[in-house]
C-alpha cells in the first residue's frame, strides 16, 4: 500500500531493507529465487519468511514442537543458490545451538567468498525481545522479565546479543583469512532498540508506534493476535504505516526498513558501511 500498490510477496507495507540497498547500488529489486520467467543476472532473493538456520529435524529431535511455518533452513536456501549457479557464471551445512548456528553462517559466508564474492554482507539478529508478536506470545506478569529501559523481553534480547557477539567474532576471524574480501557485519539489533527508546527521533508515533503492530487484528496495546495476523480476515492495516516500526508483529514497516538500510549503507549500523566499500 505504501510503494508498490499491489501484493508482491514482501511481508511489509512496502519496500524492505534489501530493496533500499538495491536502489542505492543502482540494482533492480531482487526477484524471488523461485520466480518464473525472471532474470537473475543481477541478483536473486533467497529469503523465506520463517526460514531457520538449523534443519527442521533438529527441532523435532530436540523435542521442540514450535516449528517454523515453512520447512526451510539456511542450507536449503544455499542449495537453491548452488542450483542457480550454472545458469549464472553458490550453501553449507547446519547444526546445534548458537555456536553451531554461527558456525553455519560463517561457513556459508566463506563459501560465497570461495565462489568469487568480493563483498559479503551478513546480518545479525534483530532485537527479538522487542518484536510485538514475541511480547504478546511470551509476555510475562513478572516485571523482572523485561528490560527496564526498553520494556522488551530480557531473555530474548540477551540471546540475540550473545548470537551477535559470536557472529561478529567469527566474521572478524574469517576476514583475517581473506584480506582482499570485504565482510560487512550488518547490525539489525541496535536500530530496533533505538526505535524503541526514541521513536519520535525517527518519525514514529511515540505513544504506540514503537511496539504496536500496524497490521493485525489483536487490538489492545499491541494489536497482535496469532490467529488473526495481517492478511487474514478481521485484520486491518493502520492508516499511516510510516508512523510505526512494526508491520505485522514480526516484520518491519517500509519506514523502519528504510532507516535500517540507510544505516547499513552509510553507517552507523554496518561495520564497515556498505557504501564505504563500493
Protein backbone atom coordinates (compact mmCIF):
# COMPACT_ATOMS: atom_id res chain seq x y z
CA UNK A 1 0.00 0.00 0.00
CA UNK A 2 2.93 2.37 0.55
CA UNK A 3 5.04 1.81 -2.55
CA UNK A 4 4.04 -0.95 -4.97
CA UNK A 5 0.27 -0.61 -4.76
CA UNK A 6 -0.28 -4.37 -5.05
CA UNK A 7 0.86 -7.57 -3.26
CA UNK A 8 4.46 -8.50 -4.06
CA UNK A 9 5.24 -11.26 -1.57
CA UNK A 10 7.05 -8.84 0.74
CA UNK A 11 5.91 -9.04 4.34
CA UNK A 12 5.69 -5.28 4.85
CA UNK A 13 3.62 -2.36 3.62
CA UNK A 14 6.27 -1.58 1.01
CA UNK A 15 9.97 -1.92 0.36
CA UNK A 16 12.34 -3.98 2.52
CA UNK A 17 15.84 -3.03 3.63
CA UNK A 18 17.28 -5.09 0.75
CA UNK A 19 15.15 -3.08 -1.71
CA UNK A 20 16.59 0.22 -0.50
CA UNK A 21 20.09 -1.21 -0.67
CA UNK A 22 19.48 -2.42 -4.25
CA UNK A 23 18.22 1.05 -5.21
CA UNK A 24 21.26 2.74 -3.66
CA UNK A 25 23.60 0.44 -5.59
CA UNK A 26 21.76 1.00 -8.89
CA UNK A 27 20.35 -2.54 -8.97
CA UNK A 28 16.78 -3.61 -9.73
CA UNK A 29 14.64 -5.03 -6.95
CA UNK A 30 15.81 -8.62 -6.49
CA UNK A 31 13.26 -11.17 -7.75
CA UNK A 32 12.43 -14.21 -5.59
CA UNK A 33 14.74 -17.07 -6.49
CA UNK A 34 11.75 -19.31 -7.30
CA UNK A 35 10.02 -16.76 -9.54
CA UNK A 36 9.16 -17.97 -13.03
CA UNK A 37 10.40 -16.23 -16.17
CA UNK A 38 12.78 -13.93 -14.25
CA UNK A 39 16.37 -13.00 -14.98
CA UNK A 40 18.73 -13.46 -12.05
CA UNK A 41 21.79 -11.98 -13.74
CA UNK A 42 21.72 -9.02 -11.34
CA UNK A 43 20.78 -11.00 -8.26
CA UNK A 44 18.08 -13.05 -6.60
CA UNK A 45 16.42 -13.08 -3.19
CA UNK A 46 16.54 -16.47 -1.50
CA UNK A 47 14.85 -15.35 1.72
CA UNK A 48 11.86 -17.28 3.08
CA UNK A 49 9.64 -15.99 5.88
CA UNK A 50 10.28 -18.09 8.95
CA UNK A 51 13.35 -19.77 7.47
CA UNK A 52 15.74 -21.15 10.09
CA UNK A 53 19.50 -21.61 10.25
CA UNK A 54 19.12 -25.17 11.55
CA UNK A 55 17.34 -28.06 9.88
CA UNK A 56 13.71 -28.68 10.85
CA UNK A 57 14.71 -32.16 12.00
CA UNK A 58 16.94 -30.58 14.64
CA UNK A 59 13.93 -29.05 16.38
CA UNK A 60 11.93 -32.27 16.13
CA UNK A 61 14.76 -34.39 17.51
CA UNK A 62 15.22 -31.98 20.40
CA UNK A 63 11.54 -32.04 21.35
CA UNK A 64 10.75 -28.50 20.19
CA UNK A 65 7.18 -28.62 18.91
CA UNK A 66 7.06 -24.92 17.99
CA UNK A 67 8.24 -25.24 14.43
CA UNK A 68 8.62 -22.71 11.64
CA UNK A 69 5.71 -22.40 9.18
CA UNK A 70 7.96 -23.46 6.30
CA UNK A 71 10.36 -26.37 6.45
CA UNK A 72 13.17 -24.25 5.00
CA UNK A 73 16.62 -23.82 6.51
CA UNK A 74 19.67 -21.81 5.53
CA UNK A 75 21.05 -24.97 3.97
CA UNK A 76 18.01 -25.18 1.68
CA UNK A 77 18.42 -21.55 0.64
CA UNK A 78 22.09 -22.01 -0.16
CA UNK A 79 21.20 -25.20 -2.02
CA UNK A 80 18.92 -23.12 -4.24
CA UNK A 81 21.85 -20.77 -4.76
CA UNK A 82 24.04 -23.70 -5.83
CA UNK A 83 21.35 -24.91 -8.23
CA UNK A 84 21.11 -21.46 -9.80
CA UNK A 85 24.88 -21.10 -10.18
CA UNK A 86 25.24 -22.95 -13.52
CA UNK A 87 22.76 -20.54 -15.11
CA UNK A 88 24.86 -17.53 -13.98
CA UNK A 89 28.61 -17.74 -14.09
CA UNK A 90 26.82 -20.99 -4.83
CA UNK A 91 25.21 -23.47 0.71
CA UNK A 92 26.60 -25.28 3.56
CA UNK A 93 25.52 -27.39 6.46
CA UNK A 94 23.88 -26.58 9.69
CA UNK A 95 23.87 -27.98 13.28
CA UNK A 96 23.00 -27.15 17.01
CA UNK A 97 22.70 -24.04 19.24
CA UNK A 98 24.32 -20.61 18.97
CA UNK A 99 27.91 -21.73 18.26
CA UNK A 100 26.66 -24.15 15.62
CA UNK A 101 24.32 -21.56 14.11
CA UNK A 102 27.13 -19.02 13.96
CA UNK A 103 29.45 -21.64 12.52
CA UNK A 104 26.89 -22.32 9.83
CA UNK A 105 26.57 -18.66 8.92
CA UNK A 106 30.34 -18.27 8.87
CA UNK A 107 30.71 -21.34 6.66
CA UNK A 108 28.03 -20.04 4.31
CA UNK A 109 29.83 -16.70 4.10
CA UNK A 110 33.12 -18.42 3.34
CA UNK A 111 31.51 -20.47 0.57
CA UNK A 112 30.28 -17.31 -1.11
CA UNK A 113 33.80 -15.89 -0.92
CA UNK A 114 35.30 -19.04 -2.43
CA UNK A 115 32.75 -18.80 -5.23
CA UNK A 116 34.16 -15.37 -6.08
CA UNK A 117 32.31 -12.98 -3.79
CA UNK A 118 34.31 -9.83 -3.04
CA UNK A 119 31.86 -8.21 -0.64
CA UNK A 120 29.52 -10.17 1.62
CA UNK A 121 27.01 -8.51 3.94
CA UNK A 122 25.98 -10.65 6.91
CA UNK A 123 23.09 -9.52 9.10
CA UNK A 124 22.96 -10.18 12.81
CA UNK A 125 19.78 -10.98 14.70
CA UNK A 126 17.22 -8.30 15.42
CA UNK A 127 16.12 -7.47 18.97
CA UNK A 128 13.60 -10.31 19.13
CA UNK A 129 12.58 -9.34 22.64
CA UNK A 130 11.18 -6.09 21.20
CA UNK A 131 9.15 -7.78 18.45
CA UNK A 132 5.45 -7.19 19.01
CA UNK A 133 4.48 -10.81 18.38
CA UNK A 134 7.01 -12.05 20.94
CA UNK A 135 5.85 -9.51 23.52
CA UNK A 136 2.37 -11.00 23.20
CA UNK A 137 3.24 -14.69 22.82
CA UNK A 138 5.91 -14.72 25.53
CA UNK A 139 4.56 -11.94 27.72
CA UNK A 140 5.09 -12.23 31.45
CA UNK A 141 3.39 -10.93 34.58
CA UNK A 142 6.80 -10.62 36.21
CA UNK A 143 8.39 -7.19 35.78
CA UNK A 144 11.89 -8.65 36.15
CA UNK A 145 11.46 -10.43 32.79
CA UNK A 146 11.54 -7.09 30.98
CA UNK A 147 14.37 -4.66 30.30
CA UNK A 148 13.73 -1.51 32.38
CA UNK A 149 14.75 0.93 29.65
CA UNK A 150 13.09 -0.63 26.60
CA UNK A 151 10.27 -2.74 28.04
CA UNK A 152 11.44 -5.57 25.80
CA UNK A 153 11.78 -9.19 26.88
CA UNK A 154 15.12 -9.54 28.65
CA UNK A 155 15.95 -13.19 27.91
CA UNK A 156 15.17 -12.99 24.19
CA UNK A 157 17.28 -9.87 23.74
CA UNK A 158 20.12 -11.39 25.74
CA UNK A 159 20.04 -14.43 23.45
CA UNK A 160 20.20 -12.17 20.39
CA UNK A 161 23.11 -10.14 21.77
CA UNK A 162 25.06 -13.30 22.51
CA UNK A 163 24.43 -14.59 18.99
CA UNK A 164 25.54 -11.28 17.51
CA UNK A 165 28.74 -11.16 19.59
CA UNK A 166 29.70 -14.64 18.48
CA UNK A 167 28.82 -13.85 14.88
CA UNK A 168 30.93 -10.67 14.80
CA UNK A 169 33.87 -12.55 16.28
CA UNK A 170 33.52 -15.31 13.68
CA UNK A 171 33.31 -12.81 10.83
CA UNK A 172 36.40 -10.97 12.09
CA UNK A 173 38.32 -14.25 12.10
CA UNK A 174 37.04 -15.06 8.62
CA UNK A 175 38.03 -11.63 7.34
CA UNK A 176 41.57 -12.27 8.58
CA UNK A 177 41.78 -15.29 6.28
CA UNK A 178 40.53 -13.34 3.25
CA UNK A 179 42.15 -9.88 3.44
CA UNK A 180 41.10 -8.98 -0.10
CA UNK A 181 37.40 -9.51 0.65
CA UNK A 182 35.02 -7.11 2.41
CA UNK A 183 32.95 -8.92 5.02
CA UNK A 184 30.41 -6.49 6.44
CA UNK A 185 28.52 -7.13 9.65
CA UNK A 186 25.05 -5.55 9.36
CA UNK A 187 23.67 -4.67 12.79
CA UNK A 188 19.92 -5.27 12.95
CA UNK A 189 19.76 -5.18 16.75
CA UNK A 190 20.84 -1.61 17.56
CA UNK A 191 18.45 0.21 15.20
CA UNK A 192 15.44 -1.64 16.61
CA UNK A 193 16.43 -0.76 20.17
CA UNK A 194 16.96 2.85 19.10
CA UNK A 195 13.48 2.95 17.55
CA UNK A 196 12.01 1.68 20.81
CA UNK A 197 13.96 4.07 23.03
CA UNK A 198 13.42 7.26 20.99
CA UNK A 199 10.68 6.62 18.40
CA UNK A 200 9.94 10.31 17.77
CA UNK A 201 13.53 10.89 16.68
CA UNK A 202 12.86 8.64 13.68
CA UNK A 203 9.37 9.93 12.95
CA UNK A 204 7.48 7.12 14.66
CA UNK A 205 4.50 7.60 16.92
CA UNK A 206 5.85 7.85 20.45
CA UNK A 207 2.67 6.52 22.03
CA UNK A 208 2.31 3.20 20.23
CA UNK A 209 4.39 3.37 17.05
CA UNK A 210 7.44 1.67 18.53
CA UNK A 211 5.77 -1.52 19.81
CA UNK A 212 2.25 -1.78 18.40
CA UNK A 213 1.99 -3.51 15.02
CA UNK A 214 0.39 -1.58 12.18
CA UNK A 215 -1.35 -4.52 10.55
CA UNK A 216 -3.19 -7.02 12.71
CA UNK A 217 -6.43 -7.97 14.42
CA UNK A 218 -5.49 -8.15 18.06
CA UNK A 219 -6.49 -4.73 19.36
CA UNK A 220 -5.23 -3.72 22.76
CA UNK A 221 -1.78 -2.32 23.33
CA UNK A 222 0.00 -4.38 20.69
CA UNK A 223 -2.72 -5.17 18.10
CA UNK A 224 -1.32 -8.69 17.66
CA UNK A 225 -3.27 -11.92 17.55
CA UNK A 226 -1.50 -15.08 16.35
CA UNK A 227 -4.71 -16.44 14.81
CA UNK A 228 -5.69 -13.15 13.18
CA UNK A 229 -2.45 -11.85 11.70
CA UNK A 230 -2.02 -9.40 8.84
CA UNK A 231 -3.71 -10.64 5.67
CA UNK A 232 -6.28 -12.76 7.49
CA UNK A 233 -9.99 -11.89 7.74
CA UNK A 234 -10.56 -9.42 10.55
CA UNK A 235 -7.06 -7.94 10.41
CA UNK A 236 -6.59 -4.40 9.13
CA UNK A 237 -3.69 -2.08 8.43
CA UNK A 238 -3.25 1.23 10.19
CA UNK A 239 -3.84 4.40 8.19
CA UNK A 240 -0.21 5.56 8.35
CA UNK A 241 2.38 2.74 8.38
CA UNK A 242 5.20 5.30 8.36
CA UNK A 243 4.35 6.11 11.99
CA UNK A 244 5.04 2.50 13.02
CA UNK A 245 8.18 0.39 13.41
CA UNK A 246 6.46 -2.97 13.28
CA UNK A 247 4.31 -4.07 10.37
CA UNK A 248 2.66 -7.33 11.44
CA UNK A 249 4.10 -8.27 14.81
CA UNK A 250 7.30 -9.72 13.38
CA UNK A 251 8.42 -7.76 10.31
CA UNK A 252 9.26 -4.09 9.90
CA UNK A 253 7.36 -1.39 8.04
CA UNK A 254 8.87 0.25 4.98
CA UNK A 255 9.78 3.32 7.06
CA UNK A 256 11.72 1.23 9.56
CA UNK A 257 13.35 -0.80 6.77
CA UNK A 258 14.45 2.47 5.17
CA UNK A 259 16.24 3.60 8.33
CA UNK A 260 17.89 0.20 8.70
CA UNK A 261 19.04 0.22 5.07
CA UNK A 262 20.46 3.74 5.37
CA UNK A 263 22.32 2.68 8.49
CA UNK A 264 23.80 -0.28 6.63
CA UNK A 265 24.66 1.74 3.56
CA UNK A 266 26.16 4.82 5.22
CA UNK A 267 26.60 3.87 8.90
CA UNK A 268 26.37 3.57 11.81
CA UNK A 269 24.69 0.15 11.63
CA UNK A 270 27.19 -1.63 9.38
CA UNK A 271 30.85 -2.33 10.02
CA UNK A 272 32.13 -1.02 7.68
CA UNK A 273 29.22 0.80 5.92
CA UNK A 274 28.36 -0.76 2.56
CA UNK A 275 28.91 2.40 0.53
CA UNK A 276 32.35 2.94 2.03
CA UNK A 277 33.48 -0.24 0.28
CA UNK A 278 31.94 0.33 -3.16
